[in-house]
Protein backbone atom coordinates (compact mmCIF):
# COMPACT_ATOMS: atom_id res chain seq x y z
CA MET A 1 12.23 -20.34 -20.02
CA LEU A 2 8.53 -21.58 -20.91
CA LEU A 3 6.90 -19.13 -18.15
CA LYS A 4 9.05 -16.05 -19.29
CA ALA A 5 7.78 -16.64 -22.64
CA LEU A 6 4.08 -16.68 -21.54
CA LEU A 7 4.81 -13.48 -19.64
CA HIS A 8 5.93 -12.21 -22.67
CA TRP A 9 3.14 -13.40 -24.95
CA ALA A 10 0.46 -12.17 -22.17
CA SER A 11 2.75 -8.92 -22.31
CA PRO A 12 4.43 -8.02 -25.55
CA PRO A 13 6.33 -4.81 -25.96
CA GLY A 14 4.35 -1.93 -27.33
CA VAL A 15 0.44 -1.29 -28.10
CA ARG A 16 -0.53 -4.56 -26.88
CA ALA A 17 1.30 -4.36 -23.87
CA HIS A 18 0.16 -4.26 -20.35
CA LEU A 19 1.59 -2.74 -16.92
CA SER A 20 1.90 -4.90 -14.04
CA VAL A 21 1.80 -2.98 -10.34
CA LEU A 22 2.54 -4.83 -7.22
CA ILE A 23 1.33 -3.18 -3.94
CA TYR A 24 2.88 -3.40 -1.05
CA HIS A 25 2.51 -2.13 2.71
CA ARG A 26 5.28 -3.23 4.80
CA VAL A 27 9.06 -5.18 4.51
CA LEU A 28 9.31 -6.28 8.13
CA PRO A 29 12.94 -7.33 9.29
CA GLU A 30 12.07 -10.96 9.92
CA SER A 31 8.91 -13.40 9.82
CA ASP A 32 6.09 -12.22 11.94
CA GLU A 33 4.44 -15.24 13.77
CA LEU A 34 1.27 -13.34 14.08
CA PHE A 35 1.25 -12.34 10.50
CA PRO A 36 3.13 -15.02 8.71
CA ASP A 37 2.43 -14.25 5.28
CA GLU A 38 3.50 -10.68 6.09
CA MET A 39 6.70 -9.25 3.35
CA HIS A 40 9.81 -9.61 5.41
CA ALA A 41 13.19 -8.80 4.01
CA ARG A 42 14.08 -12.22 3.11
CA ARG A 43 11.26 -12.76 1.14
CA PHE A 44 11.21 -9.28 -0.47
CA ASP A 45 15.14 -9.57 -1.33
CA GLY A 46 13.80 -13.14 -3.19
CA LEU A 47 11.23 -11.29 -5.08
CA CYS A 48 13.12 -8.50 -6.30
CA ASP A 49 15.32 -10.73 -7.65
CA TRP A 50 12.28 -12.27 -9.26
CA MET A 51 11.48 -9.24 -10.52
CA VAL A 52 14.84 -8.61 -11.93
CA SER A 53 14.86 -11.50 -13.95
CA GLY A 54 11.68 -12.02 -15.10
CA PHE A 55 10.13 -8.64 -15.71
CA ASN A 56 11.27 -4.75 -17.06
CA VAL A 57 10.57 -2.97 -13.83
CA LEU A 58 10.30 0.83 -14.30
CA PRO A 59 9.44 4.20 -12.02
CA LEU A 60 5.81 4.51 -12.06
CA ASP A 61 5.60 7.84 -13.57
CA GLU A 62 7.76 6.40 -16.58
CA ALA A 63 5.66 3.22 -16.82
CA LEU A 64 2.40 5.51 -17.33
CA LEU A 65 3.95 7.76 -19.79
CA ARG A 66 4.73 4.82 -21.99
CA LEU A 67 1.94 3.06 -21.58
CA THR A 68 -0.24 6.20 -23.16
CA ALA A 69 2.52 5.96 -25.68
CA GLY A 70 2.06 2.71 -26.46
CA THR A 71 6.00 2.33 -25.83
CA LEU A 72 6.04 -0.11 -22.74
CA PRO A 73 8.49 -2.64 -23.40
CA ALA A 74 7.56 -6.53 -22.87
CA ARG A 75 6.78 -7.56 -19.44
CA ALA A 76 6.52 -4.11 -17.96
CA ALA A 77 6.09 -3.76 -14.14
CA CYS A 78 6.18 -1.04 -11.01
CA ILE A 79 6.67 -1.90 -7.71
CA THR A 80 4.73 0.65 -5.31
CA PHE A 81 4.14 0.69 -0.96
CA ASP A 82 0.98 2.47 0.15
CA ASP A 83 0.91 4.33 3.83
CA GLY A 84 4.46 5.55 4.84
CA TYR A 85 5.99 2.60 7.32
CA ALA A 86 9.14 3.01 8.97
CA ASP A 87 10.37 -0.04 7.58
CA ASN A 88 9.87 1.24 3.95
CA TYR A 89 12.86 3.07 4.52
CA HIS A 90 14.96 1.20 6.95
CA VAL A 91 14.26 -2.61 5.26
CA ALA A 92 12.69 -2.06 2.10
CA LEU A 93 15.16 0.59 0.24
CA PRO A 94 18.52 -1.29 0.49
CA ILE A 95 17.13 -4.51 -1.02
CA LEU A 96 15.40 -2.21 -3.85
CA GLN A 97 18.86 -0.76 -4.26
CA ARG A 98 20.97 -3.77 -3.95
CA HIS A 99 18.65 -4.89 -7.13
CA GLY A 100 19.03 -1.67 -8.90
CA LEU A 101 15.09 -1.17 -8.64
CA THR A 102 12.92 1.85 -8.24
CA ALA A 103 9.91 2.16 -5.94
CA THR A 104 6.92 4.67 -5.55
CA PHE A 105 5.66 5.22 -1.85
CA PHE A 106 2.33 6.53 -1.42
CA ILE A 107 2.33 7.93 2.33
CA ALA A 108 -0.66 9.27 4.31
CA SER A 109 1.08 12.45 5.41
CA GLY A 110 -0.52 12.58 9.01
CA PHE A 111 1.13 9.78 10.26
CA LEU A 112 4.39 10.95 10.03
CA ASN A 113 6.83 12.19 12.64
CA GLY A 114 5.58 9.58 15.41
CA GLY A 115 1.90 9.07 14.20
CA ARG A 116 -0.31 5.82 14.31
CA MET A 117 -2.43 3.86 11.73
CA TRP A 118 -5.89 2.88 13.61
CA ASN A 119 -5.46 -0.39 12.09
CA ASP A 120 -1.87 -0.99 13.81
CA THR A 121 -3.24 0.40 17.40
CA ILE A 122 -5.47 -2.18 17.01
CA ILE A 123 -2.74 -5.04 16.12
CA GLU A 124 0.09 -3.72 18.56
CA SER A 125 -2.65 -3.78 21.19
CA ILE A 126 -3.76 -7.29 20.82
CA ARG A 127 -0.01 -8.70 20.14
CA SER A 128 1.08 -6.73 23.22
CA SER A 129 -1.59 -7.27 25.65
CA THR A 130 -1.06 -9.83 28.65
CA LEU A 131 -4.87 -10.25 29.46
CA PRO A 132 -5.99 -13.68 29.37
CA VAL A 133 -9.39 -11.93 27.47
CA LEU A 134 -9.77 -8.41 26.21
CA ASP A 135 -13.07 -7.33 27.43
CA LEU A 136 -14.12 -4.49 25.09
CA SER A 137 -17.92 -4.75 25.84
CA SER A 138 -17.69 -1.16 27.15
CA LEU A 139 -17.28 -0.31 23.93
CA GLY A 140 -19.89 -2.26 22.08
CA LEU A 141 -17.41 -4.84 20.71
CA GLY A 142 -17.65 -8.11 22.70
CA ARG A 143 -14.79 -10.09 24.83
CA TYR A 144 -12.07 -12.02 23.05
CA VAL A 145 -9.85 -14.67 24.43
CA LEU A 146 -6.16 -13.87 23.88
CA SER A 147 -4.70 -17.44 24.87
CA SER A 148 -2.86 -18.10 21.55
CA ILE A 149 -1.51 -16.39 18.59
CA ASP A 150 -4.50 -18.08 16.48
CA ASP A 151 -6.70 -16.17 19.22
CA ARG A 152 -4.68 -13.23 18.92
CA ARG A 153 -5.13 -13.12 14.92
CA ALA A 154 -8.53 -13.82 14.61
CA ALA A 155 -9.45 -10.82 17.37
CA ILE A 156 -7.52 -8.59 15.16
CA GLY A 157 -8.96 -9.23 12.37
CA SER A 158 -12.23 -8.95 13.48
CA LEU A 159 -12.20 -5.83 15.01
CA ILE A 160 -10.22 -4.39 11.69
CA ASP A 161 -13.10 -5.79 10.05
CA ILE A 162 -15.73 -3.99 12.28
CA VAL A 163 -13.68 -0.57 12.43
CA LYS A 164 -12.37 -0.12 9.43
CA TYR A 165 -15.64 1.56 7.91
CA TRP A 166 -15.95 4.43 10.73
CA PRO A 167 -15.44 7.59 10.34
CA VAL A 168 -11.84 8.61 11.10
CA GLU A 169 -12.12 10.18 14.14
CA ASP A 170 -14.31 7.86 15.44
CA ARG A 171 -11.62 5.15 14.78
CA ILE A 172 -8.95 6.82 16.38
CA ALA A 173 -10.74 7.41 19.88
CA LEU A 174 -12.03 3.65 19.65
CA THR A 175 -9.08 1.93 18.86
CA GLU A 176 -7.03 4.53 21.48
CA ARG A 177 -9.65 3.39 24.39
CA MET A 178 -8.98 -0.13 22.68
CA ALA A 179 -5.20 0.00 23.40
CA TYR A 180 -6.22 1.30 26.93
CA LEU A 181 -8.40 -1.21 27.82
CA ALA A 182 -5.87 -3.91 26.60
CA ARG A 183 -3.24 -2.13 29.29
CA VAL A 184 -0.89 -1.52 26.42
CA GLN A 185 1.34 1.53 24.91
CA PRO A 186 1.37 1.38 21.41
CA PRO A 187 4.64 2.27 19.59
CA HIS A 188 5.15 5.81 18.30
CA ASP A 189 8.04 4.90 15.26
CA LEU A 190 5.71 2.38 13.11
CA MET A 191 5.74 5.27 10.69
CA MET A 192 8.40 7.27 8.51
CA THR A 193 9.80 10.91 9.66
CA SER A 194 9.73 13.64 6.79
CA GLN A 195 13.84 12.97 6.99
CA GLU A 196 13.14 9.55 6.32
CA VAL A 197 10.78 10.15 3.28
CA LYS A 198 12.98 12.90 1.73
CA ALA A 199 16.03 10.30 1.92
CA LEU A 200 13.98 8.04 -0.32
CA ARG A 201 13.70 10.51 -2.81
CA HIS A 202 16.86 11.50 -2.65
CA ALA A 203 17.80 7.85 -3.00
CA GLY A 204 15.70 7.67 -6.50
CA MET A 205 12.63 6.44 -5.38
CA GLN A 206 9.29 8.20 -5.77
CA ILE A 207 6.69 9.77 -3.27
CA GLY A 208 3.00 10.10 -3.95
CA ALA A 209 0.04 11.02 -2.22
CA HIS A 210 -2.05 8.78 0.05
CA THR A 211 -4.44 11.82 1.52
CA VAL A 212 -3.54 13.12 5.08
CA SER A 213 -5.82 10.49 7.35
CA HIS A 214 -6.34 7.54 5.30
CA PRO A 215 -10.11 7.86 5.25
CA ILE A 216 -12.75 5.91 2.87
CA LEU A 217 -13.02 8.52 0.38
CA ALA A 218 -16.34 7.17 -0.55
CA ARG A 219 -17.81 7.83 2.82
CA LEU A 220 -16.68 11.87 2.91
CA THR A 221 -18.34 14.67 1.01
CA ASP A 222 -16.20 15.62 -2.22
CA GLU A 223 -15.44 18.45 -0.35
CA GLN A 224 -14.11 16.44 2.59
CA ALA A 225 -12.37 14.24 0.19
CA ARG A 226 -10.69 17.27 -1.81
CA GLU A 227 -9.44 18.36 1.70
CA GLU A 228 -7.71 15.18 2.35
CA ILE A 229 -6.30 14.42 -0.96
CA ARG A 230 -5.22 18.10 -1.54
CA GLY A 231 -3.73 18.14 2.16
CA SER A 232 -1.34 15.67 1.41
CA LYS A 233 -0.35 16.62 -1.78
CA HIS A 234 0.43 20.10 -0.25
CA PHE A 235 2.04 18.60 2.67
CA LEU A 236 4.81 16.78 0.71
CA GLU A 237 5.23 18.91 -2.19
CA GLN A 238 6.23 21.53 0.63
CA MET A 239 8.44 18.99 2.18
CA LEU A 240 10.13 17.53 -0.80
CA GLY A 241 10.37 21.00 -2.74
CA GLU A 242 8.94 19.90 -5.85
CA ARG A 243 5.97 18.65 -7.39
CA VAL A 244 4.01 15.19 -6.51
CA GLY A 245 1.61 13.88 -9.48
CA LEU A 246 1.02 10.29 -8.33
CA PHE A 247 -1.90 9.57 -5.82
CA ALA A 248 -3.16 6.14 -4.60
CA TYR A 249 -6.71 5.71 -3.18
CA PRO A 250 -6.82 4.21 0.63
CA ASN A 251 -8.36 0.71 0.41
CA GLY A 252 -8.57 1.24 -3.04
CA LYS A 253 -11.36 -0.67 -4.30
CA PRO A 254 -13.85 1.37 -6.96
CA GLY A 255 -17.15 1.54 -5.76
CA GLU A 256 -16.63 1.00 -2.36
CA ASP A 257 -13.73 2.83 -1.15
CA TYR A 258 -13.89 5.89 -3.87
CA THR A 259 -16.42 6.44 -6.65
CA PRO A 260 -16.34 8.53 -9.74
CA GLN A 261 -16.61 11.61 -7.97
CA THR A 262 -13.55 11.00 -6.00
CA VAL A 263 -11.95 10.22 -9.37
CA ASP A 264 -13.00 13.69 -10.49
CA VAL A 265 -11.45 15.29 -7.09
CA VAL A 266 -7.91 13.54 -7.71
CA ARG A 267 -8.07 15.13 -11.86
CA SER A 268 -9.10 18.50 -10.56
CA LEU A 269 -6.02 18.88 -7.81
CA GLY A 270 -3.94 18.24 -10.70
CA PHE A 271 -2.22 15.05 -10.49
CA ASP A 272 -0.83 12.67 -13.42
CA ALA A 273 -2.56 9.61 -12.58
CA ALA A 274 -4.17 7.79 -9.58
CA VAL A 275 -4.01 3.93 -8.34
CA SER A 276 -6.64 1.55 -7.21
CA THR A 277 -6.37 -1.75 -5.70
CA ARG A 278 -8.49 -3.50 -8.59
CA TRP A 279 -6.56 -6.48 -9.60
CA GLY A 280 -5.12 -7.11 -13.02
CA ALA A 281 -2.69 -5.07 -15.11
CA SER A 282 -3.74 -1.96 -17.13
CA GLY A 283 -3.62 -1.68 -20.87
CA ILE A 284 -3.19 1.54 -23.72
CA GLY A 285 -6.60 3.47 -23.23
CA ASP A 286 -7.14 2.50 -19.35
CA ASP A 287 -8.08 5.03 -17.09
CA LEU A 288 -5.04 7.06 -15.75
CA PHE A 289 -6.77 7.45 -13.10
CA GLN A 290 -7.57 3.82 -12.15
CA ILE A 291 -4.74 2.32 -12.87
CA ARG A 292 -4.83 -1.20 -11.19
CA ARG A 293 -2.41 -2.78 -8.75
CA PHE A 294 -2.47 -6.52 -6.98
CA THR A 295 -0.18 -8.43 -4.50
CA PRO A 296 1.49 -11.96 -5.66
CA TRP A 297 2.27 -13.35 -2.26
CA ASP A 298 3.62 -16.28 -3.38
CA GLN A 299 6.63 -17.95 -2.50
CA THR A 300 8.39 -19.64 -4.75
CA ARG A 301 9.76 -18.47 -8.50
CA LEU A 302 7.47 -20.89 -10.55
CA ARG A 303 3.97 -19.49 -8.16
CA PHE A 304 5.31 -16.36 -8.40
CA GLY A 305 5.57 -16.34 -12.07
CA ALA A 306 2.19 -18.17 -12.78
CA ARG A 307 0.53 -15.51 -10.27
CA MET A 308 1.69 -12.69 -12.51
CA LEU A 309 0.62 -14.45 -15.92
CA ALA A 310 -3.31 -15.33 -14.39
CA ASN A 311 -3.04 -11.16 -13.27
CA LEU A 312 -1.97 -10.16 -17.04
CA ARG A 313 -4.41 -12.51 -18.27
CA SER A 314 -6.96 -11.09 -16.42
CA ALA A 315 -6.76 -7.33 -17.91
């Protein structure tokens, strides 16, 4: 009760309210020993229970309208997912429905229907390789010992950090070559199908755009960024038969992953709002095209509530 009172104090109703927006990517069916901190079904079920008992969870578009109008309820919050993973539909959706919650799913449209994100090519190649040492020296990436879970986790982290800011075409070509050298055929069912995205929407969830190929927009020209953002918006609108008004910047760090010029492009394309990955909570008068989001990973109700409180206080 004390924690809830503190949360109410940090985000009261009305013009002094702040909006907490949570960001997730996957909800796995079971815990993953390679990534034990990754969200899975049991943890997500608990998190949804905490959200229902401690927060007023709103659809993102409604929350942003009420933020602008100064009519947010106390402890207002939203749940969002990025990228478009198949487990969002198969695992997260039933849990959200059981708790009576809605979420917004930002879709990188180019990976639907059998596509695969470059980072998942790295992850699944390292995970499934039976080689004791993965030799990537022909790619200029050195050699990686794969004798333990810790070795594999370290290799994945190193390779993702190296490749993350490469141009899209180079990332794809490099990671596919990496899978070949690892002697692995990565899966093609990690992302949703178009039908699954439509089913999410029909279930009352919100769909937002997240570019076509998930590039680092700050590394593109304004016209390239415009095509990535517009292409995703157009594809989703044609698929859903309705306007898409929300956007999420890939990676989402201001200045590093997108620029003020990128924000101008998003505005010019007719979106209502966009979300970043800058931690904190957004208040009245904040830029609707740079709404803050964060991920609380805590595994107990008390720690989760304390993290949410700290995030509100950093607004």
